[in-house]
């Protein structure tokens, strides 16, 4: 969740994992200095995954 420190402030962002063995890919474009904002984005992404229907 915390992916970096910029200007002395922690940067939080969702992290994408494409498999058990895959390295985590931080989605820094969705990042925020607010942990609460980043957690809200994560929950929105999770809800998209749960609500997705196979094509």
PDB file of N, CA and C in Angstrom:
ATOM      1  N   UNK A   1       0.824  -1.192   0.000  1.00  0.00           N
ATOM      2  CA  UNK A   1       0.000   0.000   0.000  1.00  0.00           C
ATOM      3  C   UNK A   1       0.865   1.250   0.000  1.00  0.00           C
ATOM      4  N   UNK A   2       1.829   1.403   0.929  1.00  0.00           N
ATOM      5  CA  UNK A   2       2.741   2.542   0.836  1.00  0.00           C
ATOM      6  C   UNK A   2       3.798   2.167  -0.187  1.00  0.00           C
ATOM      7  N   UNK A   3       3.885   2.959  -1.258  1.00  0.00           N
ATOM      8  CA  UNK A   3       4.771   2.591  -2.350  1.00  0.00           C
ATOM      9  C   UNK A   3       6.010   3.452  -2.451  1.00  0.00           C
ATOM     10  N   UNK A   4       6.013   4.605  -1.796  1.00  0.00           N
ATOM     11  CA  UNK A   4       7.134   5.519  -1.946  1.00  0.00           C
ATOM     12  C   UNK A   4       7.066   6.589  -0.868  1.00  0.00           C
ATOM     13  N   UNK A   5       8.098   7.386  -0.797  1.00  0.00           N
ATOM     14  CA  UNK A   5       8.113   8.578   0.052  1.00  0.00           C
ATOM     15  C   UNK A   5       8.564   9.725  -0.835  1.00  0.00           C
ATOM     16  N   UNK A   6       7.778  10.772  -0.876  1.00  0.00           N
ATOM     17  CA  UNK A   6       8.113  11.943  -1.687  1.00  0.00           C
ATOM     18  C   UNK A   6       8.028  13.187  -0.829  1.00  0.00           C
ATOM     19  N   UNK A   7       9.087  13.932  -0.823  1.00  0.00           N
ATOM     20  CA  UNK A   7       9.116  15.145  -0.017  1.00  0.00           C
ATOM     21  C   UNK A   7       8.918  14.862   1.457  1.00  0.00           C
ATOM     22  N   UNK A   8       9.340  13.683   1.890  1.00  0.00           N
ATOM     23  CA  UNK A   8       9.199  13.304   3.284  1.00  0.00           C
ATOM     24  C   UNK A   8       7.819  12.779   3.653  1.00  0.00           C
ATOM     25  N   UNK A   9       6.904  12.728   2.680  1.00  0.00           N
ATOM     26  CA  UNK A   9       5.544  12.240   2.928  1.00  0.00           C
ATOM     27  C   UNK A   9       5.358  10.872   2.276  1.00  0.00           C
ATOM     28  N   UNK A  10       4.678   9.961   2.961  1.00  0.00           N
ATOM     29  CA  UNK A  10       4.428   8.649   2.357  1.00  0.00           C
ATOM     30  C   UNK A  10       3.419   8.763   1.222  1.00  0.00           C
ATOM     31  N   UNK A  11       3.653   7.991   0.152  1.00  0.00           N
ATOM     32  CA  UNK A  11       2.731   7.922  -0.971  1.00  0.00           C
ATOM     33  C   UNK A  11       2.084   6.544  -0.954  1.00  0.00           C
ATOM     34  N   UNK A  12       0.763   6.536  -0.941  1.00  0.00           N
ATOM     35  CA  UNK A  12      -0.019   5.304  -0.899  1.00  0.00           C
ATOM     36  C   UNK A  12      -0.681   5.094  -2.255  1.00  0.00           C
ATOM     37  N   UNK A  13      -0.745   3.829  -2.689  1.00  0.00           N
ATOM     38  CA  UNK A  13      -1.390   3.521  -3.956  1.00  0.00           C
ATOM     39  C   UNK A  13      -1.788   2.056  -3.985  1.00  0.00           C
ATOM     40  N   UNK A  14      -2.768   1.719  -4.823  1.00  0.00           N
ATOM     41  CA  UNK A  14      -3.099   0.309  -5.012  1.00  0.00           C
ATOM     42  C   UNK A  14      -1.914  -0.422  -5.634  1.00  0.00           C
ATOM     43  N   UNK A  15      -1.844  -1.706  -5.367  1.00  0.00           N
ATOM     44  CA  UNK A  15      -0.790  -2.550  -5.919  1.00  0.00           C
ATOM     45  C   UNK A  15      -1.467  -3.691  -6.666  1.00  0.00           C
ATOM     46  N   UNK A  16      -1.051  -3.915  -7.895  1.00  0.00           N
ATOM     47  CA  UNK A  16      -1.630  -4.956  -8.744  1.00  0.00           C
ATOM     48  C   UNK A  16      -0.736  -6.193  -8.717  1.00  0.00           C
ATOM     49  N   UNK A  17      -1.344  -7.328  -8.443  1.00  0.00           N
ATOM     50  CA  UNK A  17      -0.643  -8.607  -8.498  1.00  0.00           C
ATOM     51  C   UNK A  17      -1.336  -9.463  -9.551  1.00  0.00           C
ATOM     52  N   UNK A  18      -0.568  -9.930 -10.533  1.00  0.00           N
ATOM     53  CA  UNK A  18      -1.142 -10.690 -11.633  1.00  0.00           C
ATOM     54  C   UNK A  18      -1.049 -12.194 -11.421  1.00  0.00           C
ATOM     55  N   UNK A  19      -0.513 -12.610 -10.310  1.00  0.00           N
ATOM     56  CA  UNK A  19      -0.417 -14.024  -9.991  1.00  0.00           C
ATOM     57  C   UNK A  19       0.358 -14.207  -8.706  1.00  0.00           C
ATOM     58  N   UNK A  20       0.376 -15.427  -8.212  1.00  0.00           N
ATOM     59  CA  UNK A  20       1.053 -15.699  -6.948  1.00  0.00           C
ATOM     60  C   UNK A  20       2.547 -15.402  -7.014  1.00  0.00           C
ATOM     61  N   UNK A  21       3.167 -15.687  -8.166  1.00  0.00           N
ATOM     62  CA  UNK A  21       4.611 -15.517  -8.293  1.00  0.00           C
ATOM     63  C   UNK A  21       5.007 -14.164  -8.863  1.00  0.00           C
ATOM     64  N   UNK A  22       4.030 -13.378  -9.273  1.00  0.00           N
ATOM     65  CA  UNK A  22       4.314 -12.090  -9.915  1.00  0.00           C
ATOM     66  C   UNK A  22       4.721 -11.043  -8.880  1.00  0.00           C
ATOM     67  N   UNK A  23       5.624 -10.180  -9.296  1.00  0.00           N
ATOM     68  CA  UNK A  23       5.993  -9.047  -8.455  1.00  0.00           C
ATOM     69  C   UNK A  23       4.826  -8.067  -8.412  1.00  0.00           C
ATOM     70  N   UNK A  24       4.719  -7.349  -7.326  1.00  0.00           N
ATOM     71  CA  UNK A  24       3.672  -6.343  -7.182  1.00  0.00           C
ATOM     72  C   UNK A  24       3.994  -5.145  -8.070  1.00  0.00           C
ATOM     73  N   UNK A  25       2.975  -4.645  -8.759  1.00  0.00           N
ATOM     74  CA  UNK A  25       3.127  -3.464  -9.605  1.00  0.00           C
ATOM     75  C   UNK A  25       2.322  -2.327  -8.983  1.00  0.00           C
ATOM     76  N   UNK A  26       2.993  -1.351  -8.381  1.00  0.00           N
ATOM     77  CA  UNK A  26       2.259  -0.226  -7.807  1.00  0.00           C
ATOM     78  C   UNK A  26       1.591   0.603  -8.905  1.00  0.00           C
ATOM     79  N   UNK A  27       0.370   0.992  -8.665  1.00  0.00           N
ATOM     80  CA  UNK A  27      -0.373   1.842  -9.602  1.00  0.00           C
ATOM     81  C   UNK A  27      -0.252   3.285  -9.118  1.00  0.00           C
ATOM     82  N   UNK A  28       0.928   3.843  -9.320  1.00  0.00           N
ATOM     83  CA  UNK A  28       1.234   5.155  -8.747  1.00  0.00           C
ATOM     84  C   UNK A  28       0.350   6.266  -9.295  1.00  0.00           C
ATOM     85  N   UNK A  29      -0.200   6.103 -10.492  1.00  0.00           N
ATOM     86  CA  UNK A  29      -1.091   7.141 -11.030  1.00  0.00           C
ATOM     87  C   UNK A  29      -2.382   7.244 -10.226  1.00  0.00           C
ATOM     88  N   UNK A  30      -2.711   6.194  -9.469  1.00  0.00           N
ATOM     89  CA  UNK A  30      -3.890   6.220  -8.598  1.00  0.00           C
ATOM     90  C   UNK A  30      -3.498   6.527  -7.155  1.00  0.00           C
ATOM     91  N   UNK A  31      -2.265   6.960  -6.966  1.00  0.00           N
ATOM     92  CA  UNK A  31      -1.734   7.193  -5.628  1.00  0.00           C
ATOM     93  C   UNK A  31      -2.227   8.470  -4.983  1.00  0.00           C
ATOM     94  N   UNK A  32      -1.994   8.523  -3.679  1.00  0.00           N
ATOM     95  CA  UNK A  32      -2.411   9.672  -2.880  1.00  0.00           C
ATOM     96  C   UNK A  32      -1.504   9.773  -1.659  1.00  0.00           C
ATOM     97  N   UNK A  33      -1.378  10.966  -1.130  1.00  0.00           N
ATOM     98  CA  UNK A  33      -0.659  11.128   0.128  1.00  0.00           C
ATOM     99  C   UNK A  33      -1.551  10.774   1.311  1.00  0.00           C
ATOM    100  N   UNK A  34      -2.830  10.596   1.047  1.00  0.00           N
ATOM    101  CA  UNK A  34      -3.781  10.214   2.077  1.00  0.00           C
ATOM    102  C   UNK A  34      -4.032   8.707   2.007  1.00  0.00           C
ATOM    103  N   UNK A  35      -3.746   8.022   3.081  1.00  0.00           N
ATOM    104  CA  UNK A  35      -3.976   6.576   3.117  1.00  0.00           C
ATOM    105  C   UNK A  35      -5.461   6.265   2.932  1.00  0.00           C
ATOM    106  N   UNK A  36      -6.321   7.079   3.522  1.00  0.00           N
ATOM    107  CA  UNK A  36      -7.773   6.864   3.403  1.00  0.00           C
ATOM    108  C   UNK A  36      -8.234   6.980   1.957  1.00  0.00           C
ATOM    109  N   UNK A  37      -7.702   7.951   1.222  1.00  0.00           N
ATOM    110  CA  UNK A  37      -8.073   8.106  -0.184  1.00  0.00           C
ATOM    111  C   UNK A  37      -7.611   6.897  -0.993  1.00  0.00           C
ATOM    112  N   UNK A  38      -6.400   6.430  -0.737  1.00  0.00           N
ATOM    113  CA  UNK A  38      -5.880   5.264  -1.447  1.00  0.00           C
ATOM    114  C   UNK A  38      -6.705   4.024  -1.120  1.00  0.00           C
ATOM    115  N   UNK A  39      -7.101   3.865   0.132  1.00  0.00           N
ATOM    116  CA  UNK A  39      -7.923   2.711   0.510  1.00  0.00           C
ATOM    117  C   UNK A  39      -9.294   2.767  -0.174  1.00  0.00           C
ATOM    118  N   UNK A  40      -9.836   3.967  -0.349  1.00  0.00           N
ATOM    119  CA  UNK A  40     -11.115   4.109  -1.040  1.00  0.00           C
ATOM    120  C   UNK A  40     -10.983   3.668  -2.508  1.00  0.00           C
ATOM    121  N   UNK A  41      -9.893   4.050  -3.152  1.00  0.00           N
ATOM    122  CA  UNK A  41      -9.650   3.633  -4.539  1.00  0.00           C
ATOM    123  C   UNK A  41      -9.508   2.116  -4.616  1.00  0.00           C
ATOM    124  N   UNK A  42      -8.808   1.536  -3.664  1.00  0.00           N
ATOM    125  CA  UNK A  42      -8.632   0.083  -3.637  1.00  0.00           C
ATOM    126  C   UNK A  42      -9.987  -0.612  -3.523  1.00  0.00           C
ATOM    127  N   UNK A  43     -10.836  -0.118  -2.652  1.00  0.00           N
ATOM    128  CA  UNK A  43     -12.159  -0.724  -2.493  1.00  0.00           C
ATOM    129  C   UNK A  43     -12.990  -0.575  -3.769  1.00  0.00           C
ATOM    130  N   UNK A  44     -12.868   0.554  -4.463  1.00  0.00           N
ATOM    131  CA  UNK A  44     -13.577   0.735  -5.725  1.00  0.00           C
ATOM    132  C   UNK A  44     -13.090  -0.268  -6.759  1.00  0.00           C
ATOM    133  N   UNK A  45     -11.778  -0.484  -6.826  1.00  0.00           N
ATOM    134  CA  UNK A  45     -11.226  -1.461  -7.765  1.00  0.00           C
ATOM    135  C   UNK A  45     -11.682  -2.878  -7.419  1.00  0.00           C
ATOM    136  N   UNK A  46     -11.696  -3.203  -6.142  1.00  0.00           N
ATOM    137  CA  UNK A  46     -12.153  -4.530  -5.722  1.00  0.00           C
ATOM    138  C   UNK A  46     -13.619  -4.742  -6.087  1.00  0.00           C
ATOM    139  N   UNK A  47     -14.435  -3.716  -5.937  1.00  0.00           N
ATOM    140  CA  UNK A  47     -15.849  -3.863  -6.267  1.00  0.00           C
ATOM    141  C   UNK A  47     -16.037  -4.081  -7.769  1.00  0.00           C
ATOM    142  N   UNK A  48     -15.179  -3.499  -8.590  1.00  0.00           N
ATOM    143  CA  UNK A  48     -15.241  -3.744 -10.028  1.00  0.00           C
ATOM    144  C   UNK A  48     -14.915  -5.202 -10.340  1.00  0.00           C
ATOM    145  N   UNK A  49     -13.934  -5.732  -9.648  1.00  0.00           N
ATOM    146  CA  UNK A  49     -13.538  -7.127  -9.857  1.00  0.00           C
ATOM    147  C   UNK A  49     -14.675  -8.079  -9.455  1.00  0.00           C
ATOM    148  N   UNK A  50     -15.279  -7.828  -8.303  1.00  0.00           N
ATOM    149  CA  UNK A  50     -16.366  -8.665  -7.808  1.00  0.00           C
ATOM    150  C   UNK A  50     -17.579  -8.561  -8.731  1.00  0.00           C
ATOM    151  N   UNK A  51     -17.857  -7.377  -9.239  1.00  0.00           N
ATOM    152  CA  UNK A  51     -19.033  -7.157 -10.067  1.00  0.00           C
ATOM    153  C   UNK A  51     -18.845  -7.535 -11.527  1.00  0.00           C
ATOM    154  N   UNK A  52     -17.629  -7.898 -11.924  1.00  0.00           N
ATOM    155  CA  UNK A  52     -17.362  -8.211 -13.329  1.00  0.00           C
ATOM    156  C   UNK A  52     -18.038  -9.521 -13.730  1.00  0.00           C
ATOM    157  N   UNK A  53     -18.523  -9.553 -14.945  1.00  0.00           N
ATOM    158  CA  UNK A  53     -19.122 -10.779 -15.473  1.00  0.00           C
ATOM    159  C   UNK A  53     -18.236 -11.312 -16.593  1.00  0.00           C
ATOM    160  N   UNK A  54     -18.055 -12.615 -16.660  1.00  0.00           N
ATOM    161  CA  UNK A  54     -17.215 -13.158 -17.730  1.00  0.00           C
ATOM    162  C   UNK A  54     -17.854 -12.940 -19.089  1.00  0.00           C
ATOM    163  N   UNK A  55     -17.007 -12.723 -20.104  1.00  0.00           N
ATOM    164  CA  UNK A  55     -17.551 -12.494 -21.452  1.00  0.00           C
ATOM    165  C   UNK A  55     -17.498 -13.750 -22.285  1.00  0.00           C
TER     166      UNK A  55
END
